[in-house]
Amino acid sequence: MSARWFIWGVPAAIYVAFFLWYTNLSGPLNPDEIDHFMGIIERQVEDPARIAQLRAFMEADTGDDFLMVNALHMKDVPDQIDGVALGDTSDDVMAKYMEYMWPALLVRASHPVMFGPAVSNVLDVVGVEGAEVWTAGAAMRYRSRRDMFEISTDPQFSGRHGFKAAALEKTIAFPIEDGLPLSDPRVLLFFVLLSVAGVLNALLPRKTS
């Protein structure tokens, strides 16, 4: 294999492998998958309105990735449920929840795209009671709605979700589809690999006739 084939072939292989892992190639949820997930959810959730909302979210699946936007207000002292030790902070308890979430997310090409502590109370709020104080904000990227429901209906999730509830005073989470394609890592990786390959190709000695 010539040096130029190597310079261009390796980045191309890396990009194809990343694209195949990072992209949902299975399309939207199909009716059988929706029935499967709803069967689990209906055994866990008692609120009919929430059940209907989750079904509607599945049935409206586009097959695209999405972001779950979260506003978080951590408790000053977490609830003392099983698995929470005296002296644990709410951040410690949330970390117990994330011990399940991190591997489940990353294996499905899902990950945070934004996280940080609040630097002020709310500067503008309209039509919402009790929403003046938040302690952190985050946005989590999911490869697909299928991936999100695979994570949230896993029996391990129900065993960990109590830690999240014990750590949070309140939270709001809602999904959006990212309208800024330049923020997509697939776009960034493409240009990074193209640039690296181009530079290495330019450094190769030119053949002389």
Protein backbone atom coordinates (compact mmCIF):
# COMPACT_ATOMS: atom_id res chain seq x y z
CA MET A 1 0.00 0.00 0.00
CA SER A 2 1.40 3.38 -0.97
CA ALA A 3 1.78 6.16 1.58
CA ARG A 4 -0.97 8.20 -0.05
CA TRP A 5 -3.43 5.31 0.06
CA PHE A 6 -2.62 4.94 3.77
CA ILE A 7 -2.96 8.68 4.46
CA TRP A 8 -6.40 8.87 2.87
CA GLY A 9 -7.62 5.32 3.54
CA VAL A 10 -7.14 5.24 7.32
CA PRO A 11 -9.08 8.49 7.99
CA ALA A 12 -11.81 7.28 5.61
CA ALA A 13 -12.10 3.99 7.52
CA ILE A 14 -12.17 5.83 10.86
CA TYR A 15 -14.90 8.14 9.64
CA VAL A 16 -17.05 5.34 8.21
CA ALA A 17 -16.75 3.34 11.45
CA PHE A 18 -17.66 6.39 13.55
CA PHE A 19 -20.56 7.31 11.27
CA LEU A 20 -22.03 3.81 11.41
CA TRP A 21 -21.79 3.76 15.24
CA TYR A 22 -23.00 7.31 15.80
CA THR A 23 -25.96 7.23 13.38
CA ASN A 24 -29.28 5.50 13.85
CA LEU A 25 -29.56 3.27 10.78
CA SER A 26 -32.61 1.34 12.01
CA GLY A 27 -35.17 4.01 11.21
CA PRO A 28 -38.08 5.07 13.45
CA LEU A 29 -39.61 2.80 16.06
CA ASN A 30 -41.93 0.26 14.47
CA PRO A 31 -45.33 -0.75 15.94
CA ASP A 32 -43.97 -3.97 17.49
CA GLU A 33 -41.19 -2.05 19.26
CA ILE A 34 -43.67 0.55 20.51
CA ASP A 35 -45.93 -2.19 21.89
CA HIS A 36 -42.93 -3.83 23.57
CA PHE A 37 -41.76 -0.64 25.28
CA MET A 38 -45.29 0.44 26.21
CA GLY A 39 -45.93 -2.94 27.81
CA ILE A 40 -43.01 -2.30 30.18
CA ILE A 41 -43.92 1.34 30.79
CA GLU A 42 -47.57 0.56 31.60
CA ARG A 43 -46.39 -1.76 34.38
CA GLN A 44 -44.19 0.97 35.86
CA VAL A 45 -46.17 4.21 35.35
CA GLU A 46 -49.57 4.88 36.90
CA ASP A 47 -50.35 8.29 35.37
CA PRO A 48 -52.51 7.76 32.23
CA ALA A 49 -51.56 11.19 30.86
CA ARG A 50 -47.85 10.36 31.08
CA ILE A 51 -48.41 6.96 29.46
CA ALA A 52 -50.28 8.62 26.59
CA GLN A 53 -47.53 11.23 26.20
CA LEU A 54 -44.81 8.59 26.01
CA ARG A 55 -46.76 6.63 23.39
CA ALA A 56 -47.26 9.79 21.32
CA PHE A 57 -43.51 10.50 21.54
CA MET A 58 -42.76 7.03 20.21
CA GLU A 59 -45.35 7.16 17.45
CA ALA A 60 -43.99 10.53 16.26
CA ASP A 61 -40.46 9.10 15.94
CA THR A 62 -38.55 10.47 12.95
CA GLY A 63 -35.58 8.14 13.39
CA ASP A 64 -33.29 11.12 14.00
CA ASP A 65 -31.11 11.77 17.01
CA PHE A 66 -32.31 14.32 19.56
CA LEU A 67 -31.26 16.24 22.65
CA MET A 68 -32.91 15.97 26.05
CA VAL A 69 -32.68 19.40 27.65
CA ASN A 70 -32.62 19.35 31.47
CA ALA A 71 -32.97 22.00 34.16
CA LEU A 72 -31.88 20.60 37.53
CA HIS A 73 -32.41 21.78 41.11
CA MET A 74 -30.40 19.58 43.47
CA LYS A 75 -31.56 19.05 47.05
CA ASP A 76 -29.47 20.57 49.83
CA VAL A 77 -29.60 17.17 51.56
CA PRO A 78 -30.58 14.04 49.58
CA ASP A 79 -33.33 11.71 50.73
CA GLN A 80 -32.06 8.88 52.89
CA ILE A 81 -33.17 5.95 50.75
CA ASP A 82 -31.48 2.54 50.58
CA GLY A 83 -27.97 2.98 49.19
CA VAL A 84 -27.58 6.57 50.40
CA ALA A 85 -25.10 6.96 53.24
CA LEU A 86 -25.16 9.62 55.92
CA GLY A 87 -23.01 12.46 54.69
CA ASP A 88 -23.63 11.77 51.00
CA THR A 89 -24.31 14.94 49.04
CA SER A 90 -26.92 15.18 46.32
CA ASP A 91 -24.06 15.11 43.79
CA ASP A 92 -22.83 11.85 45.36
CA VAL A 93 -26.30 10.33 45.06
CA MET A 94 -26.71 11.49 41.46
CA ALA A 95 -23.37 9.82 40.71
CA LYS A 96 -24.88 6.51 41.90
CA TYR A 97 -27.63 6.96 39.31
CA MET A 98 -25.10 7.79 36.61
CA GLU A 99 -23.10 4.62 37.35
CA TYR A 100 -25.75 2.82 35.30
CA MET A 101 -26.41 5.63 32.85
CA TRP A 102 -22.86 6.28 31.60
CA PRO A 103 -22.18 2.79 30.17
CA ALA A 104 -25.75 2.49 28.85
CA LEU A 105 -25.47 5.86 27.12
CA LEU A 106 -21.99 5.57 25.66
CA VAL A 107 -22.48 2.12 24.14
CA ARG A 108 -25.42 3.66 22.24
CA ALA A 109 -23.50 6.72 21.02
CA SER A 110 -25.41 8.92 23.47
CA HIS A 111 -23.62 11.49 25.59
CA PRO A 112 -23.84 14.95 27.18
CA VAL A 113 -23.32 17.90 24.87
CA MET A 114 -23.66 20.52 27.60
CA PHE A 115 -23.45 20.56 31.38
CA GLY A 116 -22.70 23.22 33.95
CA PRO A 117 -23.71 24.78 37.25
CA ALA A 118 -26.14 27.69 37.31
CA VAL A 119 -24.41 31.03 37.91
CA SER A 120 -27.58 32.91 38.85
CA ASN A 121 -31.20 32.40 39.72
CA VAL A 122 -33.59 32.65 36.78
CA LEU A 123 -33.30 35.97 34.93
CA ASP A 124 -36.57 35.55 33.01
CA VAL A 125 -39.53 33.29 33.70
CA VAL A 126 -43.04 33.49 32.27
CA GLY A 127 -46.09 31.48 33.27
CA VAL A 128 -44.28 28.96 35.51
CA GLU A 129 -44.63 28.80 39.29
CA GLY A 130 -41.65 27.82 41.44
CA ALA A 131 -39.14 27.93 38.60
CA GLU A 132 -36.94 30.73 39.94
CA VAL A 133 -34.14 28.51 41.32
CA TRP A 134 -32.07 25.91 39.44
CA THR A 135 -28.63 24.62 40.33
CA ALA A 136 -27.48 23.12 37.01
CA GLY A 137 -28.39 22.63 33.37
CA ALA A 138 -27.58 19.87 30.92
CA ALA A 139 -28.36 18.57 27.44
CA MET A 140 -27.98 14.87 26.63
CA ARG A 141 -27.68 13.62 23.06
CA TYR A 142 -29.53 10.38 22.25
CA ARG A 143 -28.82 8.55 19.00
CA SER A 144 -32.51 7.67 18.70
CA ARG A 145 -35.73 7.36 20.66
CA ARG A 146 -35.19 3.60 20.50
CA ASP A 147 -31.93 4.01 22.39
CA MET A 148 -33.56 6.16 25.06
CA PHE A 149 -36.34 3.65 25.68
CA GLU A 150 -33.91 0.72 25.68
CA ILE A 151 -32.07 2.49 28.49
CA SER A 152 -35.10 3.59 30.49
CA THR A 153 -36.96 0.25 30.31
CA ASP A 154 -33.95 -1.85 31.34
CA PRO A 155 -34.56 -3.40 34.81
CA GLN A 156 -31.23 -1.94 35.96
CA PHE A 157 -32.62 1.54 35.29
CA SER A 158 -35.57 1.14 37.65
CA GLY A 159 -33.15 0.05 40.36
CA ARG A 160 -31.11 3.23 39.93
CA HIS A 161 -33.81 5.81 39.19
CA GLY A 162 -34.57 6.21 42.89
CA PHE A 163 -31.17 7.83 43.35
CA LYS A 164 -32.08 10.52 40.82
CA ALA A 165 -35.35 11.26 42.62
CA ALA A 166 -33.54 11.32 45.97
CA ALA A 167 -31.02 13.89 44.70
CA LEU A 168 -33.39 16.28 42.92
CA GLU A 169 -35.62 18.95 44.40
CA LYS A 170 -37.16 19.45 40.96
CA THR A 171 -36.31 18.99 37.31
CA ILE A 172 -37.68 19.69 33.87
CA ALA A 173 -36.64 17.59 30.88
CA PHE A 174 -37.90 17.91 27.33
CA PRO A 175 -36.62 16.67 23.95
CA ILE A 176 -35.59 18.79 20.98
CA GLU A 177 -34.08 17.98 17.59
CA ASP A 178 -30.85 19.90 17.00
CA GLY A 179 -31.29 22.48 14.26
CA LEU A 180 -27.59 23.38 14.06
CA PRO A 181 -25.87 20.69 11.95
CA LEU A 182 -22.44 22.28 12.40
CA SER A 183 -22.57 21.17 16.05
CA ASP A 184 -22.80 17.52 14.93
CA PRO A 185 -19.59 15.59 15.78
CA ARG A 186 -19.89 13.78 12.44
CA VAL A 187 -19.40 17.09 10.66
CA LEU A 188 -16.52 18.11 12.95
CA LEU A 189 -14.77 14.76 12.61
CA PHE A 190 -15.08 14.85 8.83
CA PHE A 191 -13.28 18.20 8.59
CA VAL A 192 -10.67 17.26 11.20
CA LEU A 193 -9.77 14.02 9.40
CA LEU A 194 -9.84 15.76 6.03
CA SER A 195 -7.48 18.46 7.32
CA VAL A 196 -5.06 15.97 8.90
CA ALA A 197 -4.97 13.84 5.77
CA GLY A 198 -4.50 16.90 3.58
CA VAL A 199 -1.57 18.15 5.65
CA LEU A 200 0.12 14.73 5.71
CA ASN A 201 -0.43 14.36 1.98
CA ALA A 202 1.17 17.76 1.35
CA LEU A 203 4.22 16.74 3.40
CA LEU A 204 4.93 13.70 1.26
CA PRO A 205 7.84 14.13 -1.15
CA ARG A 206 6.75 14.73 -4.72
CA LYS A 207 7.87 12.32 -7.42
CA THR A 208 10.25 13.84 -9.93
CA SER A 209 10.19 12.88 -13.58
